[in-house]
C-alpha atoms as a PDB file:
ATOM      1  CA  MET A   1      -2.563   7.797  24.723  1.00  0.00           C
ATOM      2  CA  LEU A   2      -2.757   4.172  23.576  1.00  0.00           C
ATOM      3  CA  LYS A   3      -5.880   4.918  21.559  1.00  0.00           C
ATOM      4  CA  THR A   4      -4.090   7.784  19.819  1.00  0.00           C
ATOM      5  CA  LEU A   5      -1.088   5.590  19.023  1.00  0.00           C
ATOM      6  CA  LEU A   6      -3.301   2.841  17.624  1.00  0.00           C
ATOM      7  CA  ARG A   7      -5.236   5.339  15.501  1.00  0.00           C
ATOM      8  CA  SER A   8      -1.976   6.548  13.998  1.00  0.00           C
ATOM      9  CA  THR A   9      -1.334   3.073  12.539  1.00  0.00           C
ATOM     10  CA  ARG A  10      -4.268   3.570  10.112  1.00  0.00           C
ATOM     11  CA  ILE A  11      -5.447  -0.032  10.308  1.00  0.00           C
ATOM     12  CA  SER A  12      -7.905   0.434   7.436  1.00  0.00           C
ATOM     13  CA  TRP A  13      -4.989   1.356   5.167  1.00  0.00           C
ATOM     14  CA  GLY A  14      -4.039  -2.291   5.375  1.00  0.00           C
ATOM     15  CA  ALA A  15      -6.215  -2.502   2.266  1.00  0.00           C
ATOM     16  CA  LYS A  16      -3.079  -1.710   0.246  1.00  0.00           C
ATOM     17  CA  ASN A  17      -1.405  -4.833   1.596  1.00  0.00           C
ATOM     18  CA  VAL A  18      -4.490  -7.010   1.155  1.00  0.00           C
ATOM     19  CA  HIS A  19      -4.849  -5.792  -2.428  1.00  0.00           C
ATOM     20  CA  MET A  20      -1.314  -6.773  -3.448  1.00  0.00           C
ATOM     21  CA  TYR A  21      -1.459 -10.068  -1.576  1.00  0.00           C
ATOM     22  CA  LEU A  22      -4.629 -10.996  -3.440  1.00  0.00           C
ATOM     23  CA  LEU A  23      -3.007 -10.135  -6.768  1.00  0.00           C
ATOM     24  CA  ALA A  24       0.027 -12.310  -5.996  1.00  0.00           C
ATOM     25  CA  LEU A  25      -2.200 -15.147  -4.793  1.00  0.00           C
ATOM     26  CA  THR A  26      -3.987 -15.289  -8.151  1.00  0.00           C
ATOM     27  CA  TYR A  27      -0.664 -16.371  -9.692  1.00  0.00           C
ATOM     28  CA  ALA A  28       0.218 -19.032  -7.111  1.00  0.00           C
ATOM     29  CA  SER A  29       0.200 -22.705  -8.052  1.00  0.00           C
ATOM     30  CA  SER A  30       0.568 -23.736  -4.408  1.00  0.00           C
ATOM     31  CA  VAL A  31       0.460 -21.922  -1.094  1.00  0.00           C
ATOM     32  CA  ASP A  32       1.049 -22.391   2.610  1.00  0.00           C
ATOM     33  CA  PRO A  33      -2.108 -20.668   3.934  1.00  0.00           C
ATOM     34  CA  LEU A  34      -0.784 -20.087   7.445  1.00  0.00           C
ATOM     35  CA  GLY A  35       2.539 -18.674   6.253  1.00  0.00           C
ATOM     36  CA  PHE A  36       0.817 -16.480   3.670  1.00  0.00           C
ATOM     37  CA  LEU A  37      -1.630 -15.014   6.180  1.00  0.00           C
ATOM     38  CA  MET A  38       1.156 -14.541   8.723  1.00  0.00           C
ATOM     39  CA  GLY A  39       3.116 -12.613   6.112  1.00  0.00           C
ATOM     40  CA  LEU A  40       0.113 -10.412   5.387  1.00  0.00           C
ATOM     41  CA  PHE A  41      -0.291  -9.736   9.100  1.00  0.00           C
ATOM     42  CA  LEU A  42       3.392  -8.838   9.537  1.00  0.00           C
ATOM     43  CA  VAL A  43       3.395  -6.482   6.557  1.00  0.00           C
ATOM     44  CA  THR A  44       0.282  -4.778   7.892  1.00  0.00           C
ATOM     45  CA  LEU A  45       1.831  -4.527  11.356  1.00  0.00           C
ATOM     46  CA  LEU A  46       5.016  -3.018   9.918  1.00  0.00           C
ATOM     47  CA  TRP A  47       3.102  -0.457   7.889  1.00  0.00           C
ATOM     48  CA  GLY A  48       1.156   0.511  10.984  1.00  0.00           C
ATOM     49  CA  GLY A  49       4.444   1.616  12.530  1.00  0.00           C
ATOM     50  CA  LEU A  50       5.548   3.369   9.342  1.00  0.00           C
ATOM     51  CA  TYR A  51       2.274   5.295   9.118  1.00  0.00           C
ATOM     52  CA  SER A  52       2.772   6.408  12.716  1.00  0.00           C
ATOM     53  CA  LEU A  53       6.233   7.636  11.760  1.00  0.00           C
ATOM     54  CA  ASN A  54       4.763   9.535   8.829  1.00  0.00           C
ATOM     55  CA  ASP A  55       2.205  11.244  11.079  1.00  0.00           C
ATOM     56  CA  LEU A  56       4.875  12.146  13.633  1.00  0.00           C
ATOM     57  CA  THR A  57       7.172  13.759  11.065  1.00  0.00           C
ATOM     58  CA  ASP A  58       4.324  15.630   9.344  1.00  0.00           C
ATOM     59  CA  ILE A  59       2.567  17.172  12.342  1.00  0.00           C
ATOM     60  CA  GLU A  60       3.308  20.795  11.465  1.00  0.00           C
ATOM     61  CA  VAL A  61       2.493  20.315   7.782  1.00  0.00           C
ATOM     62  CA  ASP A  62      -0.736  18.452   8.533  1.00  0.00           C
ATOM     63  CA  ARG A  63      -1.925  21.197  10.906  1.00  0.00           C
ATOM     64  CA  LYS A  64      -2.234  23.498   7.900  1.00  0.00           C
ATOM     65  CA  ASP A  65      -4.175  20.959   5.823  1.00  0.00           C
ATOM     66  CA  ARG A  66      -7.871  20.909   6.648  1.00  0.00           C
ATOM     67  CA  MET A  67      -8.242  17.347   5.378  1.00  0.00           C
ATOM     68  CA  LYS A  68      -5.468  16.115   7.681  1.00  0.00           C
ATOM     69  CA  SER A  69      -6.241  18.213  10.735  1.00  0.00           C
ATOM     70  CA  SER A  70      -8.005  15.279  12.390  1.00  0.00           C
ATOM     71  CA  ARG A  71      -4.897  13.093  12.368  1.00  0.00           C
ATOM     72  CA  PRO A  72      -4.261  11.504  15.824  1.00  0.00           C
ATOM     73  CA  PHE A  73      -1.141  13.412  16.876  1.00  0.00           C
ATOM     74  CA  ILE A  74      -2.768  16.723  16.006  1.00  0.00           C
ATOM     75  CA  GLU A  75      -5.997  16.101  17.912  1.00  0.00           C
ATOM     76  CA  ASN A  76      -4.228  14.546  20.906  1.00  0.00           C
ATOM     77  CA  HIS A  77      -0.664  15.381  21.876  1.00  0.00           C
ATOM     78  CA  VAL A  78       1.645  12.464  22.646  1.00  0.00           C
ATOM     79  CA  GLU A  79       5.263  13.021  23.622  1.00  0.00           C
ATOM     80  CA  PRO A  80       7.447  12.304  20.571  1.00  0.00           C
ATOM     81  CA  TRP A  81       9.669   9.910  22.522  1.00  0.00           C
ATOM     82  CA  ARG A  82       6.678   7.744  23.376  1.00  0.00           C
ATOM     83  CA  VAL A  83       5.692   7.642  19.705  1.00  0.00           C
ATOM     84  CA  LEU A  84       9.242   6.691  18.712  1.00  0.00           C
ATOM     85  CA  VAL A  85       9.299   3.861  21.269  1.00  0.00           C
ATOM     86  CA  PHE A  86       5.948   2.642  19.895  1.00  0.00           C
ATOM     87  CA  ILE A  87       7.201   2.815  16.301  1.00  0.00           C
ATOM     88  CA  GLY A  88      10.507   1.141  17.162  1.00  0.00           C
ATOM     89  CA  ALA A  89       8.763  -1.722  18.952  1.00  0.00           C
ATOM     90  CA  ILE A  90       6.501  -2.372  15.967  1.00  0.00           C
ATOM     91  CA  ILE A  91       9.299  -2.248  13.404  1.00  0.00           C
ATOM     92  CA  ILE A  92      11.709  -4.457  15.386  1.00  0.00           C
ATOM     93  CA  THR A  93       9.006  -6.996  16.247  1.00  0.00           C
ATOM     94  CA  SER A  94       7.750  -7.284  12.673  1.00  0.00           C
ATOM     95  CA  LEU A  95      11.270  -7.572  11.219  1.00  0.00           C
ATOM     96  CA  LEU A  96      12.335 -10.269  13.686  1.00  0.00           C
ATOM     97  CA  ALA A  97       9.156 -12.261  13.113  1.00  0.00           C
ATOM     98  CA  SER A  98       9.492 -11.877   9.338  1.00  0.00           C
ATOM     99  CA  TYR A  99      13.035 -13.314   9.471  1.00  0.00           C
ATOM    100  CA  ILE A 100      11.739 -16.384  11.290  1.00  0.00           C
ATOM    101  CA  LEU A 101       9.017 -16.747   8.665  1.00  0.00           C
ATOM    102  CA  ASN A 102      11.277 -16.295   5.633  1.00  0.00           C
ATOM    103  CA  PRO A 103      14.702 -14.565   5.477  1.00  0.00           C
ATOM    104  CA  ILE A 104      14.131 -13.202   1.954  1.00  0.00           C
ATOM    105  CA  PHE A 105      10.730 -11.931   3.024  1.00  0.00           C
ATOM    106  CA  SER A 106      12.443 -10.102   5.884  1.00  0.00           C
ATOM    107  CA  ILE A 107      14.821  -8.406   3.433  1.00  0.00           C
ATOM    108  CA  ILE A 108      11.870  -7.008   1.501  1.00  0.00           C
ATOM    109  CA  MET A 109      10.336  -5.858   4.769  1.00  0.00           C
ATOM    110  CA  LEU A 110      13.610  -4.084   5.584  1.00  0.00           C
ATOM    111  CA  LEU A 111      13.527  -2.425   2.153  1.00  0.00           C
ATOM    112  CA  MET A 112      10.067  -1.095   3.004  1.00  0.00           C
ATOM    113  CA  VAL A 113      11.487   0.447   6.174  1.00  0.00           C
ATOM    114  CA  LEU A 114      14.480   1.967   4.380  1.00  0.00           C
ATOM    115  CA  ASN A 115      12.311   3.283   1.559  1.00  0.00           C
ATOM    116  CA  GLN A 116       9.963   4.948   4.025  1.00  0.00           C
ATOM    117  CA  PHE A 117      12.840   6.406   6.042  1.00  0.00           C
ATOM    118  CA  ILE A 118      14.316   7.941   2.902  1.00  0.00           C
ATOM    119  CA  TYR A 119      10.909   9.212   1.858  1.00  0.00           C
ATOM    120  CA  THR A 120       9.915  10.637   5.253  1.00  0.00           C
ATOM    121  CA  LEU A 121      13.004  11.605   7.228  1.00  0.00           C
ATOM    122  CA  PRO A 122      15.612  14.326   6.699  1.00  0.00           C
ATOM    123  CA  PRO A 123      18.094  14.928   5.239  1.00  0.00           C
ATOM    124  CA  LEU A 124      16.757  13.259   2.074  1.00  0.00           C
ATOM    125  CA  ARG A 125      12.983  13.389   2.767  1.00  0.00           C
ATOM    126  CA  LEU A 126      12.032  12.606  -0.810  1.00  0.00           C
ATOM    127  CA  LYS A 127       8.400  13.550  -0.183  1.00  0.00           C
ATOM    128  CA  ASP A 128       9.479  17.195  -0.400  1.00  0.00           C
ATOM    129  CA  THR A 129      11.305  16.720  -3.710  1.00  0.00           C
ATOM    130  CA  MET A 130      10.414  16.149  -7.353  1.00  0.00           C
ATOM    131  CA  LEU A 131      11.189  12.445  -6.838  1.00  0.00           C
ATOM    132  CA  ALA A 132       8.203  11.949  -4.530  1.00  0.00           C
ATOM    133  CA  PRO A 133       5.903  10.375  -7.177  1.00  0.00           C
ATOM    134  CA  LEU A 134       8.616   7.819  -7.989  1.00  0.00           C
ATOM    135  CA  ALA A 135       9.377   6.829  -4.415  1.00  0.00           C
ATOM    136  CA  SER A 136       6.106   6.884  -2.506  1.00  0.00           C
ATOM    137  CA  THR A 137       3.061   4.747  -3.244  1.00  0.00           C
ATOM    138  CA  ALA A 138       4.630   3.457  -6.457  1.00  0.00           C
ATOM    139  CA  THR A 139       7.687   1.835  -4.846  1.00  0.00           C
ATOM    140  CA  ASN A 140       5.752   0.677  -1.806  1.00  0.00           C
ATOM    141  CA  THR A 141       3.167  -1.053  -3.995  1.00  0.00           C
ATOM    142  CA  VAL A 142       5.891  -3.050  -5.745  1.00  0.00           C
ATOM    143  CA  LEU A 143       7.497  -4.000  -2.418  1.00  0.00           C
ATOM    144  CA  ARG A 144       4.152  -5.177  -1.063  1.00  0.00           C
ATOM    145  CA  LEU A 145       3.607  -7.317  -4.143  1.00  0.00           C
ATOM    146  CA  ALA A 146       7.166  -8.673  -3.948  1.00  0.00           C
ATOM    147  CA  SER A 147       6.737  -9.648  -0.293  1.00  0.00           C
ATOM    148  CA  ALA A 148       3.667 -11.685  -1.163  1.00  0.00           C
ATOM    149  CA  SER A 149       5.374 -13.297  -4.165  1.00  0.00           C
ATOM    150  CA  VAL A 150       8.311 -14.478  -2.058  1.00  0.00           C
ATOM    151  CA  LEU A 151       5.930 -16.284   0.278  1.00  0.00           C
ATOM    152  CA  LEU A 152       4.385 -18.025  -2.717  1.00  0.00           C
ATOM    153  CA  GLY A 153       7.634 -19.338  -4.161  1.00  0.00           C
ATOM    154  CA  GLY A 154       9.732 -16.441  -5.453  1.00  0.00           C
ATOM    155  CA  LEU A 155       9.734 -12.933  -6.870  1.00  0.00           C
ATOM    156  CA  LEU A 156       8.908 -14.163 -10.386  1.00  0.00           C
ATOM    157  CA  VAL A 157       5.698 -15.865  -9.300  1.00  0.00           C
ATOM    158  CA  VAL A 158       4.247 -12.551 -10.454  1.00  0.00           C
ATOM    159  CA  PRO A 159       5.340 -11.631 -14.023  1.00  0.00           C
ATOM    160  CA  PRO A 160       7.564  -8.521 -14.404  1.00  0.00           C
ATOM    161  CA  PRO A 161       4.988  -6.614 -16.526  1.00  0.00           C
ATOM    162  CA  VAL A 162       2.528  -6.886 -13.634  1.00  0.00           C
ATOM    163  CA  TYR A 163       5.085  -5.332 -11.282  1.00  0.00           C
ATOM    164  CA  LEU A 164       5.381  -2.458 -13.745  1.00  0.00           C
ATOM    165  CA  LEU A 165       1.602  -2.134 -13.896  1.00  0.00           C
ATOM    166  CA  MET A 166       1.363  -1.878 -10.132  1.00  0.00           C
ATOM    167  CA  TYR A 167       4.215   0.638 -10.018  1.00  0.00           C
ATOM    168  CA  LEU A 168       2.335   2.851 -12.462  1.00  0.00           C
ATOM    169  CA  ALA A 169      -0.930   2.347 -10.562  1.00  0.00           C
ATOM    170  CA  GLY A 170       0.746   3.475  -7.346  1.00  0.00           C
ATOM    171  CA  MET A 171       2.290   6.471  -9.065  1.00  0.00           C
ATOM    172  CA  GLY A 172      -1.043   7.448 -10.602  1.00  0.00           C
ATOM    173  CA  THR A 173      -2.790   7.251  -7.231  1.00  0.00           C
ATOM    174  CA  TYR A 174      -0.148   9.483  -5.664  1.00  0.00           C
ATOM    175  CA  LEU A 175      -0.432  12.026  -8.479  1.00  0.00           C
ATOM    176  CA  MET A 176      -4.222  12.114  -8.192  1.00  0.00           C
ATOM    177  CA  TYR A 177      -4.000  12.697  -4.468  1.00  0.00           C
ATOM    178  CA  LYS A 178      -1.541  15.527  -5.059  1.00  0.00           C
ATOM    179  CA  GLU A 179      -3.854  17.108  -7.669  1.00  0.00           C
ATOM    180  CA  ARG A 180      -1.524  16.714 -10.619  1.00  0.00           C
ATOM    181  CA  GLY A 181      -4.139  16.110 -13.273  1.00  0.00           C
ATOM    182  CA  LEU A 182      -1.974  16.271 -16.407  1.00  0.00           C
ATOM    183  CA  MET A 183       0.659  13.880 -15.073  1.00  0.00           C
ATOM    184  CA  THR A 184      -2.066  11.561 -13.788  1.00  0.00           C
ATOM    185  CA  THR A 185      -3.601  11.389 -17.250  1.00  0.00           C
ATOM    186  CA  ALA A 186      -0.226  10.596 -18.840  1.00  0.00           C
ATOM    187  CA  VAL A 187       0.504   7.810 -16.347  1.00  0.00           C
ATOM    188  CA  SER A 188      -3.020   6.418 -16.809  1.00  0.00           C
ATOM    189  CA  ILE A 189      -2.556   6.205 -20.577  1.00  0.00           C
ATOM    190  CA  ILE A 190       0.764   4.374 -20.168  1.00  0.00           C
ATOM    191  CA  PHE A 191      -0.894   2.055 -17.632  1.00  0.00           C
ATOM    192  CA  CYS A 192      -3.670   1.156 -20.089  1.00  0.00           C
ATOM    193  CA  ILE A 193      -1.158   0.476 -22.873  1.00  0.00           C
ATOM    194  CA  ILE A 194       0.901  -1.853 -20.668  1.00  0.00           C
ATOM    195  CA  LEU A 195      -2.261  -3.505 -19.340  1.00  0.00           C
ATOM    196  CA  GLY A 196      -3.301  -4.260 -22.915  1.00  0.00           C
ATOM    197  CA  TYR A 197       0.149  -5.682 -23.662  1.00  0.00           C
ATOM    198  CA  ALA A 198       0.117  -7.798 -20.481  1.00  0.00           C
ATOM    199  CA  TYR A 199      -3.286  -9.213 -21.388  1.00  0.00           C
ATOM    200  CA  LEU A 200      -2.393  -9.998 -24.992  1.00  0.00           C
ATOM    201  CA  GLU A 201       0.854 -11.689 -23.921  1.00  0.00           C
ATOM    202  CA  GLY A 202      -0.904 -13.767 -21.268  1.00  0.00           C
ATOM    203  CA  TYR A 203       0.657 -12.090 -18.230  1.00  0.00           C
ATOM    204  CA  ILE A 204      -2.735 -11.194 -16.815  1.00  0.00           C
ATOM    205  CA  SER A 205      -6.197 -12.673 -17.408  1.00  0.00           C
ATOM    206  CA  ILE A 206      -9.627 -11.115 -17.754  1.00  0.00           C
ATOM    207  CA  LEU A 207     -10.614 -12.673 -14.415  1.00  0.00           C
ATOM    208  CA  GLN A 208      -7.616 -11.084 -12.687  1.00  0.00           C
ATOM    209  CA  ILE A 209      -8.469  -7.724 -14.246  1.00  0.00           C
ATOM    210  CA  LEU A 210     -12.103  -7.989 -13.134  1.00  0.00           C
ATOM    211  CA  ILE A 211     -11.308  -9.055  -9.572  1.00  0.00           C
ATOM    212  CA  VAL A 212      -8.079  -7.220  -8.769  1.00  0.00           C
ATOM    213  CA  ILE A 213      -7.667  -4.312 -11.189  1.00  0.00           C
ATOM    214  CA  LEU A 214     -11.157  -3.059 -12.028  1.00  0.00           C
ATOM    215  CA  PRO A 215     -12.526  -2.584  -8.468  1.00  0.00           C
ATOM    216  CA  SER A 216      -9.489  -0.556  -7.388  1.00  0.00           C
ATOM    217  CA  PHE A 217      -9.720   1.457 -10.614  1.00  0.00           C
ATOM    218  CA  ILE A 218     -13.340   2.294  -9.794  1.00  0.00           C
ATOM    219  CA  ALA A 219     -12.239   3.405  -6.322  1.00  0.00           C
ATOM    220  CA  THR A 220      -9.820   5.909  -7.868  1.00  0.00           C
ATOM    221  CA  VAL A 221     -12.529   7.600  -9.960  1.00  0.00           C
ATOM    222  CA  PRO A 222     -13.658   9.880  -7.086  1.00  0.00           C
ATOM    223  CA  LEU A 223      -9.996  10.580  -6.341  1.00  0.00           C
ATOM    224  CA  TYR A 224      -9.463  11.658  -9.942  1.00  0.00           C
ATOM    225  CA  LEU A 225     -12.607  13.808  -9.839  1.00  0.00           C
ATOM    226  CA  SER A 226     -11.272  15.471  -6.682  1.00  0.00           C
ATOM    227  CA  ASN A 227      -8.834  17.282  -8.968  1.00  0.00           C
ATOM    228  CA  PHE A 228     -11.755  19.157 -10.469  1.00  0.00           C
ATOM    229  CA  THR A 229     -14.617  19.356  -7.967  1.00  0.00           C
ATOM    230  CA  GLU A 230     -15.506  18.912  -4.262  1.00  0.00           C
ATOM    231  CA  ARG A 231     -12.011  17.745  -3.387  1.00  0.00           C
ATOM    232  CA  GLU A 232     -12.623  16.892   0.256  1.00  0.00           C
ATOM    233  CA  ARG A 233     -15.834  14.996  -0.440  1.00  0.00           C
ATOM    234  CA  MET A 234     -14.383  13.055  -3.377  1.00  0.00           C
ATOM    235  CA  VAL A 235     -11.279  12.039  -1.406  1.00  0.00           C
ATOM    236  CA  GLU A 236     -13.478  10.813   1.451  1.00  0.00           C
ATOM    237  CA  ILE A 237     -15.523   8.688  -0.960  1.00  0.00           C
ATOM    238  CA  ALA A 238     -12.389   7.224  -2.561  1.00  0.00           C
ATOM    239  CA  ASP A 239     -10.917   6.414   0.859  1.00  0.00           C
ATOM    240  CA  PHE A 240     -14.122   4.737   2.005  1.00  0.00           C
ATOM    241  CA  ILE A 241     -14.432   2.590  -1.125  1.00  0.00           C
ATOM    242  CA  TYR A 242     -10.805   1.445  -1.196  1.00  0.00           C
ATOM    243  CA  HIS A 243      -9.843   1.268   2.471  1.00  0.00           C
ATOM    244  CA  ARG A 244     -13.082  -0.200   3.756  1.00  0.00           C
ATOM    245  CA  VAL A 245     -15.358  -1.714   1.097  1.00  0.00           C
ATOM    246  CA  LEU A 246     -12.613  -3.152  -1.087  1.00  0.00           C
ATOM    247  CA  MET A 247     -10.539  -4.328   1.861  1.00  0.00           C
ATOM    248  CA  ILE A 248     -13.429  -6.536   2.969  1.00  0.00           C
ATOM    249  CA  PHE A 249     -13.972  -7.700  -0.615  1.00  0.00           C
ATOM    250  CA  TYR A 250     -10.290  -8.498  -1.172  1.00  0.00           C
ATOM    251  CA  LEU A 251     -10.002 -10.301   2.171  1.00  0.00           C
ATOM    252  CA  GLY A 252     -12.985 -12.409   1.200  1.00  0.00           C
ATOM    253  CA  CYS A 253     -11.350 -13.237  -2.134  1.00  0.00           C
ATOM    254  CA  ILE A 254      -8.128 -14.254  -0.368  1.00  0.00           C
ATOM    255  CA  ILE A 255      -9.985 -16.618   1.972  1.00  0.00           C
ATOM    256  CA  ILE A 256     -11.849 -18.178  -0.954  1.00  0.00           C
ATOM    257  CA  LEU A 257      -8.664 -18.634  -2.990  1.00  0.00           C
ATOM    258  CA  LEU A 258      -6.784 -20.135  -0.063  1.00  0.00           C
ATOM    259  CA  TYR A 259      -9.609 -22.589   0.437  1.00  0.00           C
ATOM    260  CA  MET A 260      -9.715 -23.497  -3.273  1.00  0.00           C
ATOM    261  CA  LYS A 261      -5.945 -23.954  -3.539  1.00  0.00           C
ATOM    262  CA  GLY A 262      -5.865 -26.002  -0.350  1.00  0.00           C
ATOM    263  CA  ALA A 263      -8.781 -28.226  -1.330  1.00  0.00           C
END
């Protein structure tokens, strides 16, 4: 049972947190390495619980999806009350620890919880509505970036146009995964326009684009192609590149930057 519960936290999906924390770190003039890494750990812990909640509430839907049929709670039954206790323990622990670390940081963590509750749970359950692209990966990406920024000095450590860029990137990823090719193309065009503006206005540098933006963009190419051919295979490739290869790369970049800023 414990193995099934731990699998449901999707540890490798912590890449999304690592990605945004690296982006925020590139803007920091100073940093408390221990506090920053503790924040990254707490966000990843919290999202482990939220992913478990997502799997619990989507069991019946996922059974009908061949790509999701291997999810932990489908392969191995665990009593729902045990899962809820597990999820509750993770959420409460991470929120309490985040408050000790930084009260404003804890507020953003709470917003992540509320956003995911609204997205996942009835009666609202936005994931089943037309608002899903606006409230899923897009909003969560911004909240992840905001949580990192607060630990580095404040929300505006990262320029507002970059928040907008990451919101659009999250929305585009969601749309690709949901096989909405036309909308994905439209969002991608808007993203490129705003990226060009952000670069010309000095909100983002070539180095930041090469390290933080370009690798994740490359990882989405197979996901985009999944809209047209070999969907299952392309999604697997995209997941492997982003959630495994890039997570290691981004973690390495974070360690290097922390060392350079602390030197």
